[in-house]
Amino acid sequence: MKKDIHPEYHDLTVVMTDGTELPMRSTYGKAGQSLRLDIDIKTHPAWTGVQRLNESGGQVAKFNKRFAGLGLKK
């Protein structure tokens, strides 16, 4: 490794959305600081698997509904 080109790697506290604190090592901020998360793995649907269902359908369903009457006549 080259000297004097890498950021300082130090301990900090990560505070989850529910208030849980985890000690971690990072290059973020200064030693002893805390990092508060707005979104974390305990609450975000990407990690929990719980997702909202959109009852109106997706973009393709909206397109088909909007242009259902157009097309070739039989």
PDB file of N, CA and C in Angstrom:
ATOM      1  N   MET A   1       0.827  -1.187   0.000  1.00  0.00           N
ATOM      2  CA  MET A   1       0.000   0.000   0.000  1.00  0.00           C
ATOM      3  C   MET A   1       0.866   1.243   0.000  1.00  0.00           C
ATOM      4  N   LYS A   2       0.447   2.232  -0.742  1.00  0.00           N
ATOM      5  CA  LYS A   2       1.162   3.502  -0.735  1.00  0.00           C
ATOM      6  C   LYS A   2       0.872   4.234   0.567  1.00  0.00           C
ATOM      7  N   LYS A   3       1.824   4.951   1.053  1.00  0.00           N
ATOM      8  CA  LYS A   3       1.657   5.692   2.305  1.00  0.00           C
ATOM      9  C   LYS A   3       0.966   7.023   2.040  1.00  0.00           C
ATOM     10  N   ASP A   4       0.179   7.472   3.018  1.00  0.00           N
ATOM     11  CA  ASP A   4      -0.462   8.796   3.052  1.00  0.00           C
ATOM     12  C   ASP A   4      -1.486   9.041   1.952  1.00  0.00           C
ATOM     13  N   ILE A   5      -2.062   8.005   1.353  1.00  0.00           N
ATOM     14  CA  ILE A   5      -3.116   8.244   0.364  1.00  0.00           C
ATOM     15  C   ILE A   5      -4.454   7.655   0.806  1.00  0.00           C
ATOM     16  N   HIS A   6      -4.463   6.853   1.849  1.00  0.00           N
ATOM     17  CA  HIS A   6      -5.677   6.196   2.307  1.00  0.00           C
ATOM     18  C   HIS A   6      -6.321   6.974   3.441  1.00  0.00           C
ATOM     19  N   PRO A   7      -7.678   7.022   3.472  1.00  0.00           N
ATOM     20  CA  PRO A   7      -8.351   7.727   4.569  1.00  0.00           C
ATOM     21  C   PRO A   7      -8.181   6.976   5.884  1.00  0.00           C
ATOM     22  N   GLU A   8      -8.336   7.709   6.976  1.00  0.00           N
ATOM     23  CA  GLU A   8      -8.207   7.117   8.308  1.00  0.00           C
ATOM     24  C   GLU A   8      -9.366   6.152   8.556  1.00  0.00           C
ATOM     25  N   TYR A   9      -9.080   4.990   9.062  1.00  0.00           N
ATOM     26  CA  TYR A   9     -10.050   3.948   9.346  1.00  0.00           C
ATOM     27  C   TYR A   9     -10.209   3.889  10.849  1.00  0.00           C
ATOM     28  N   HIS A  10     -11.406   4.165  11.388  1.00  0.00           N
ATOM     29  CA  HIS A  10     -11.589   4.282  12.831  1.00  0.00           C
ATOM     30  C   HIS A  10     -12.942   3.708  13.264  1.00  0.00           C
ATOM     31  N   ASP A  11     -13.145   3.651  14.591  1.00  0.00           N
ATOM     32  CA  ASP A  11     -14.395   3.139  15.162  1.00  0.00           C
ATOM     33  C   ASP A  11     -15.453   4.230  15.186  1.00  0.00           C
ATOM     34  N   LEU A  12     -16.711   3.847  14.908  1.00  0.00           N
ATOM     35  CA  LEU A  12     -17.846   4.735  15.069  1.00  0.00           C
ATOM     36  C   LEU A  12     -19.060   3.912  15.442  1.00  0.00           C
ATOM     37  N   THR A  13     -20.142   4.578  15.835  1.00  0.00           N
ATOM     38  CA  THR A  13     -21.362   3.901  16.243  1.00  0.00           C
ATOM     39  C   THR A  13     -22.437   4.155  15.204  1.00  0.00           C
ATOM     40  N   VAL A  14     -23.054   3.082  14.706  1.00  0.00           N
ATOM     41  CA  VAL A  14     -24.153   3.192  13.747  1.00  0.00           C
ATOM     42  C   VAL A  14     -25.454   3.030  14.535  1.00  0.00           C
ATOM     43  N   VAL A  15     -26.352   4.032  14.429  1.00  0.00           N
ATOM     44  CA  VAL A  15     -27.630   4.001  15.135  1.00  0.00           C
ATOM     45  C   VAL A  15     -28.718   3.676  14.121  1.00  0.00           C
ATOM     46  N   MET A  16     -29.382   2.518  14.327  1.00  0.00           N
ATOM     47  CA  MET A  16     -30.447   2.070  13.431  1.00  0.00           C
ATOM     48  C   MET A  16     -31.708   2.894  13.661  1.00  0.00           C
ATOM     49  N   THR A  17     -32.727   2.709  12.835  1.00  0.00           N
ATOM     50  CA  THR A  17     -33.962   3.487  12.955  1.00  0.00           C
ATOM     51  C   THR A  17     -34.720   3.184  14.241  1.00  0.00           C
ATOM     52  N   ASP A  18     -34.555   1.985  14.799  1.00  0.00           N
ATOM     53  CA  ASP A  18     -35.246   1.641  16.042  1.00  0.00           C
ATOM     54  C   ASP A  18     -34.448   2.010  17.285  1.00  0.00           C
ATOM     55  N   GLY A  19     -33.285   2.640  17.115  1.00  0.00           N
ATOM     56  CA  GLY A  19     -32.469   3.078  18.243  1.00  0.00           C
ATOM     57  C   GLY A  19     -31.347   2.121  18.608  1.00  0.00           C
ATOM     58  N   THR A  20     -31.302   0.962  17.985  1.00  0.00           N
ATOM     59  CA  THR A  20     -30.246  -0.001  18.234  1.00  0.00           C
ATOM     60  C   THR A  20     -28.911   0.571  17.775  1.00  0.00           C
ATOM     61  N   GLU A  21     -27.883   0.411  18.597  1.00  0.00           N
ATOM     62  CA  GLU A  21     -26.562   0.919  18.246  1.00  0.00           C
ATOM     63  C   GLU A  21     -25.611  -0.232  17.948  1.00  0.00           C
ATOM     64  N   LEU A  22     -24.844  -0.095  16.876  1.00  0.00           N
ATOM     65  CA  LEU A  22     -23.873  -1.105  16.493  1.00  0.00           C
ATOM     66  C   LEU A  22     -22.499  -0.466  16.336  1.00  0.00           C
ATOM     67  N   PRO A  23     -21.489  -1.029  16.965  1.00  0.00           N
ATOM     68  CA  PRO A  23     -20.134  -0.508  16.743  1.00  0.00           C
ATOM     69  C   PRO A  23     -19.599  -1.016  15.404  1.00  0.00           C
ATOM     70  N   MET A  24     -19.012  -0.126  14.636  1.00  0.00           N
ATOM     71  CA  MET A  24     -18.437  -0.500  13.339  1.00  0.00           C
ATOM     72  C   MET A  24     -17.160   0.271  13.105  1.00  0.00           C
ATOM     73  N   ARG A  25     -16.427  -0.159  12.092  1.00  0.00           N
ATOM     74  CA  ARG A  25     -15.230   0.564  11.671  1.00  0.00           C
ATOM     75  C   ARG A  25     -15.496   1.122  10.289  1.00  0.00           C
ATOM     76  N   SER A  26     -15.081   2.382  10.069  1.00  0.00           N
ATOM     77  CA  SER A  26     -15.382   3.031   8.810  1.00  0.00           C
ATOM     78  C   SER A  26     -14.411   4.182   8.574  1.00  0.00           C
ATOM     79  N   THR A  27     -14.478   4.726   7.364  1.00  0.00           N
ATOM     80  CA  THR A  27     -13.715   5.927   7.041  1.00  0.00           C
ATOM     81  C   THR A  27     -14.605   7.160   7.148  1.00  0.00           C
ATOM     82  N   TYR A  28     -15.898   6.980   7.491  1.00  0.00           N
ATOM     83  CA  TYR A  28     -16.845   8.079   7.608  1.00  0.00           C
ATOM     84  C   TYR A  28     -16.537   8.932   8.835  1.00  0.00           C
ATOM     85  N   GLY A  29     -16.590  10.228   8.688  1.00  0.00           N
ATOM     86  CA  GLY A  29     -16.483  11.152   9.819  1.00  0.00           C
ATOM     87  C   GLY A  29     -15.188  11.044  10.587  1.00  0.00           C
ATOM     88  N   LYS A  30     -15.308  11.271  11.905  1.00  0.00           N
ATOM     89  CA  LYS A  30     -14.155  11.227  12.796  1.00  0.00           C
ATOM     90  C   LYS A  30     -14.351  10.120  13.829  1.00  0.00           C
ATOM     91  N   ALA A  31     -13.291   9.737  14.475  1.00  0.00           N
ATOM     92  CA  ALA A  31     -13.356   8.671  15.483  1.00  0.00           C
ATOM     93  C   ALA A  31     -14.336   9.059  16.589  1.00  0.00           C
ATOM     94  N   GLY A  32     -15.200   8.108  16.990  1.00  0.00           N
ATOM     95  CA  GLY A  32     -16.146   8.330  18.066  1.00  0.00           C
ATOM     96  C   GLY A  32     -17.480   8.926  17.633  1.00  0.00           C
ATOM     97  N   GLN A  33     -17.613   9.351  16.379  1.00  0.00           N
ATOM     98  CA  GLN A  33     -18.876   9.908  15.906  1.00  0.00           C
ATOM     99  C   GLN A  33     -19.911   8.801  15.750  1.00  0.00           C
ATOM    100  N   SER A  34     -21.184   9.220  15.630  1.00  0.00           N
ATOM    101  CA  SER A  34     -22.230   8.230  15.362  1.00  0.00           C
ATOM    102  C   SER A  34     -22.897   8.565  14.033  1.00  0.00           C
ATOM    103  N   LEU A  35     -23.356   7.532  13.360  1.00  0.00           N
ATOM    104  CA  LEU A  35     -24.010   7.643  12.062  1.00  0.00           C
ATOM    105  C   LEU A  35     -25.444   7.169  12.234  1.00  0.00           C
ATOM    106  N   ARG A  36     -26.421   8.070  12.043  1.00  0.00           N
ATOM    107  CA  ARG A  36     -27.834   7.708  12.173  1.00  0.00           C
ATOM    108  C   ARG A  36     -28.382   7.330  10.807  1.00  0.00           C
ATOM    109  N   LEU A  37     -29.021   6.169  10.727  1.00  0.00           N
ATOM    110  CA  LEU A  37     -29.581   5.687   9.475  1.00  0.00           C
ATOM    111  C   LEU A  37     -31.051   6.048   9.363  1.00  0.00           C
ATOM    112  N   ASP A  38     -31.479   6.504   8.183  1.00  0.00           N
ATOM    113  CA  ASP A  38     -32.890   6.746   7.908  1.00  0.00           C
ATOM    114  C   ASP A  38     -33.567   5.456   7.470  1.00  0.00           C
ATOM    115  N   ILE A  39     -32.830   4.610   6.788  1.00  0.00           N
ATOM    116  CA  ILE A  39     -33.331   3.334   6.288  1.00  0.00           C
ATOM    117  C   ILE A  39     -32.317   2.273   6.701  1.00  0.00           C
ATOM    118  N   ASP A  40     -32.799   1.192   7.282  1.00  0.00           N
ATOM    119  CA  ASP A  40     -31.873   0.119   7.633  1.00  0.00           C
ATOM    120  C   ASP A  40     -32.445  -1.243   7.254  1.00  0.00           C
ATOM    121  N   ILE A  41     -31.643  -2.275   7.444  1.00  0.00           N
ATOM    122  CA  ILE A  41     -32.032  -3.615   7.001  1.00  0.00           C
ATOM    123  C   ILE A  41     -33.189  -4.201   7.805  1.00  0.00           C
ATOM    124  N   LYS A  42     -33.503  -3.646   8.964  1.00  0.00           N
ATOM    125  CA  LYS A  42     -34.607  -4.177   9.757  1.00  0.00           C
ATOM    126  C   LYS A  42     -35.960  -3.663   9.280  1.00  0.00           C
ATOM    127  N   THR A  43     -35.974  -2.515   8.570  1.00  0.00           N
ATOM    128  CA  THR A  43     -37.248  -1.915   8.190  1.00  0.00           C
ATOM    129  C   THR A  43     -37.450  -1.783   6.690  1.00  0.00           C
ATOM    130  N   HIS A  44     -36.418  -1.831   5.892  1.00  0.00           N
ATOM    131  CA  HIS A  44     -36.554  -1.601   4.455  1.00  0.00           C
ATOM    132  C   HIS A  44     -37.078  -2.851   3.754  1.00  0.00           C
ATOM    133  N   PRO A  45     -38.082  -2.693   2.872  1.00  0.00           N
ATOM    134  CA  PRO A  45     -38.685  -3.854   2.193  1.00  0.00           C
ATOM    135  C   PRO A  45     -37.708  -4.672   1.360  1.00  0.00           C
ATOM    136  N   ALA A  46     -36.632  -4.088   0.900  1.00  0.00           N
ATOM    137  CA  ALA A  46     -35.673  -4.840   0.100  1.00  0.00           C
ATOM    138  C   ALA A  46     -35.047  -5.972   0.904  1.00  0.00           C
ATOM    139  N   TRP A  47     -34.918  -5.787   2.220  1.00  0.00           N
ATOM    140  CA  TRP A  47     -34.312  -6.818   3.063  1.00  0.00           C
ATOM    141  C   TRP A  47     -35.336  -7.610   3.854  1.00  0.00           C
ATOM    142  N   THR A  48     -36.496  -7.019   4.171  1.00  0.00           N
ATOM    143  CA  THR A  48     -37.472  -7.729   4.993  1.00  0.00           C
ATOM    144  C   THR A  48     -38.359  -8.652   4.177  1.00  0.00           C
ATOM    145  N   GLY A  49     -38.512  -8.374   2.875  1.00  0.00           N
ATOM    146  CA  GLY A  49     -39.363  -9.191   2.034  1.00  0.00           C
ATOM    147  C   GLY A  49     -40.821  -8.782   2.086  1.00  0.00           C
ATOM    148  N   VAL A  50     -41.174  -7.827   2.945  1.00  0.00           N
ATOM    149  CA  VAL A  50     -42.538  -7.332   3.042  1.00  0.00           C
ATOM    150  C   VAL A  50     -42.648  -6.113   2.143  1.00  0.00           C
ATOM    151  N   GLN A  51     -43.520  -6.187   1.149  1.00  0.00           N
ATOM    152  CA  GLN A  51     -43.642  -5.084   0.205  1.00  0.00           C
ATOM    153  C   GLN A  51     -45.093  -4.693   0.048  1.00  0.00           C
ATOM    154  N   ARG A  52     -45.319  -3.414  -0.279  1.00  0.00           N
ATOM    155  CA  ARG A  52     -46.671  -2.928  -0.536  1.00  0.00           C
ATOM    156  C   ARG A  52     -47.143  -3.463  -1.885  1.00  0.00           C
ATOM    157  N   LEU A  53     -48.384  -3.809  -1.934  1.00  0.00           N
ATOM    158  CA  LEU A  53     -48.958  -4.235  -3.194  1.00  0.00           C
ATOM    159  C   LEU A  53     -49.643  -3.036  -3.844  1.00  0.00           C
ATOM    160  N   ASN A  54     -49.354  -2.825  -5.101  1.00  0.00           N
ATOM    161  CA  ASN A  54     -49.988  -1.762  -5.848  1.00  0.00           C
ATOM    162  C   ASN A  54     -51.215  -2.351  -6.534  1.00  0.00           C
ATOM    163  N   GLU A  55     -52.395  -2.007  -6.046  1.00  0.00           N
ATOM    164  CA  GLU A  55     -53.605  -2.639  -6.541  1.00  0.00           C
ATOM    165  C   GLU A  55     -54.043  -2.125  -7.898  1.00  0.00           C
ATOM    166  N   SER A  56     -53.522  -0.993  -8.327  1.00  0.00           N
ATOM    167  CA  SER A  56     -53.946  -0.451  -9.613  1.00  0.00           C
ATOM    168  C   SER A  56     -53.165  -1.053 -10.767  1.00  0.00           C
ATOM    169  N   GLY A  57     -52.174  -1.855 -10.498  1.00  0.00           N
ATOM    170  CA  GLY A  57     -51.390  -2.486 -11.547  1.00  0.00           C
ATOM    171  C   GLY A  57     -50.145  -1.701 -11.888  1.00  0.00           C
ATOM    172  N   GLY A  58     -49.317  -2.289 -12.705  1.00  0.00           N
ATOM    173  CA  GLY A  58     -48.075  -1.649 -13.100  1.00  0.00           C
ATOM    174  C   GLY A  58     -48.258  -0.803 -14.346  1.00  0.00           C
ATOM    175  N   GLN A  59     -47.166  -0.396 -14.928  1.00  0.00           N
ATOM    176  CA  GLN A  59     -47.194   0.466 -16.108  1.00  0.00           C
ATOM    177  C   GLN A  59     -47.816  -0.241 -17.306  1.00  0.00           C
ATOM    178  N   VAL A  60     -47.542  -1.517 -17.465  1.00  0.00           N
ATOM    179  CA  VAL A  60     -48.110  -2.261 -18.595  1.00  0.00           C
ATOM    180  C   VAL A  60     -49.627  -2.366 -18.438  1.00  0.00           C
ATOM    181  N   ALA A  61     -50.100  -2.642 -17.231  1.00  0.00           N
ATOM    182  CA  ALA A  61     -51.540  -2.738 -16.990  1.00  0.00           C
ATOM    183  C   ALA A  61     -52.228  -1.399 -17.244  1.00  0.00           C
ATOM    184  N   LYS A  62     -51.587  -0.316 -16.824  1.00  0.00           N
ATOM    185  CA  LYS A  62     -52.146   1.014 -17.071  1.00  0.00           C
ATOM    186  C   LYS A  62     -52.202   1.312 -18.570  1.00  0.00           C
ATOM    187  N   PHE A  63     -51.167   0.935 -19.286  1.00  0.00           N
ATOM    188  CA  PHE A  63     -51.131   1.142 -20.730  1.00  0.00           C
ATOM    189  C   PHE A  63     -52.252   0.364 -21.408  1.00  0.00           C
ATOM    190  N   ASN A  64     -52.374  -0.915 -21.044  1.00  0.00           N
ATOM    191  CA  ASN A  64     -53.411  -1.757 -21.651  1.00  0.00           C
ATOM    192  C   ASN A  64     -54.805  -1.229 -21.342  1.00  0.00           C
ATOM    193  N   LYS A  65     -55.027  -0.736 -20.143  1.00  0.00           N
ATOM    194  CA  LYS A  65     -56.333  -0.199 -19.774  1.00  0.00           C
ATOM    195  C   LYS A  65     -56.630   1.072 -20.563  1.00  0.00           C
ATOM    196  N   ARG A  66     -55.623   1.911 -20.713  1.00  0.00           N
ATOM    197  CA  ARG A  66     -55.800   3.185 -21.404  1.00  0.00           C
ATOM    198  C   ARG A  66     -56.065   3.012 -22.904  1.00  0.00           C
ATOM    199  N   PHE A  67     -55.362   2.078 -23.511  1.00  0.00           N
ATOM    200  CA  PHE A  67     -55.462   1.907 -24.959  1.00  0.00           C
ATOM    201  C   PHE A  67     -56.159   0.623 -25.382  1.00  0.00           C
ATOM    202  N   ALA A  68     -57.021   0.094 -24.524  1.00  0.00           N
ATOM    203  CA  ALA A  68     -57.710  -1.159 -24.821  1.00  0.00           C
ATOM    204  C   ALA A  68     -58.614  -1.043 -26.043  1.00  0.00           C
ATOM    205  N   GLY A  69     -59.232   0.115 -26.279  1.00  0.00           N
ATOM    206  CA  GLY A  69     -60.166   0.277 -27.382  1.00  0.00           C
ATOM    207  C   GLY A  69     -59.492   0.488 -28.731  1.00  0.00           C
ATOM    208  N   LEU A  70     -58.221   0.797 -28.741  1.00  0.00           N
ATOM    209  CA  LEU A  70     -57.515   1.035 -29.993  1.00  0.00           C
ATOM    210  C   LEU A  70     -56.991  -0.273 -30.558  1.00  0.00           C
ATOM    211  N   GLY A  71     -56.848  -0.319 -31.839  1.00  0.00           N
ATOM    212  CA  GLY A  71     -56.282  -1.505 -32.448  1.00  0.00           C
ATOM    213  C   GLY A  71     -56.972  -1.833 -33.752  1.00  0.00           C
ATOM    214  N   LEU A  72     -56.616  -2.959 -34.271  1.00  0.00           N
ATOM    215  CA  LEU A  72     -57.205  -3.396 -35.547  1.00  0.00           C
ATOM    216  C   LEU A  72     -58.617  -3.910 -35.330  1.00  0.00           C
ATOM    217  N   LYS A  73     -59.489  -3.556 -36.233  1.00  0.00           N
ATOM    218  CA  LYS A  73     -60.880  -4.034 -36.146  1.00  0.00           C
ATOM    219  C   LYS A  73     -60.958  -5.428 -36.750  1.00  0.00           C
ATOM    220  N   LYS A  74     -61.732  -6.276 -36.150  1.00  0.00           N
ATOM    221  CA  LYS A  74     -61.878  -7.657 -36.622  1.00  0.00           C
ATOM    222  C   LYS A  74     -63.053  -7.797 -37.539  1.00  0.00           C
TER     223      LYS A  74
END
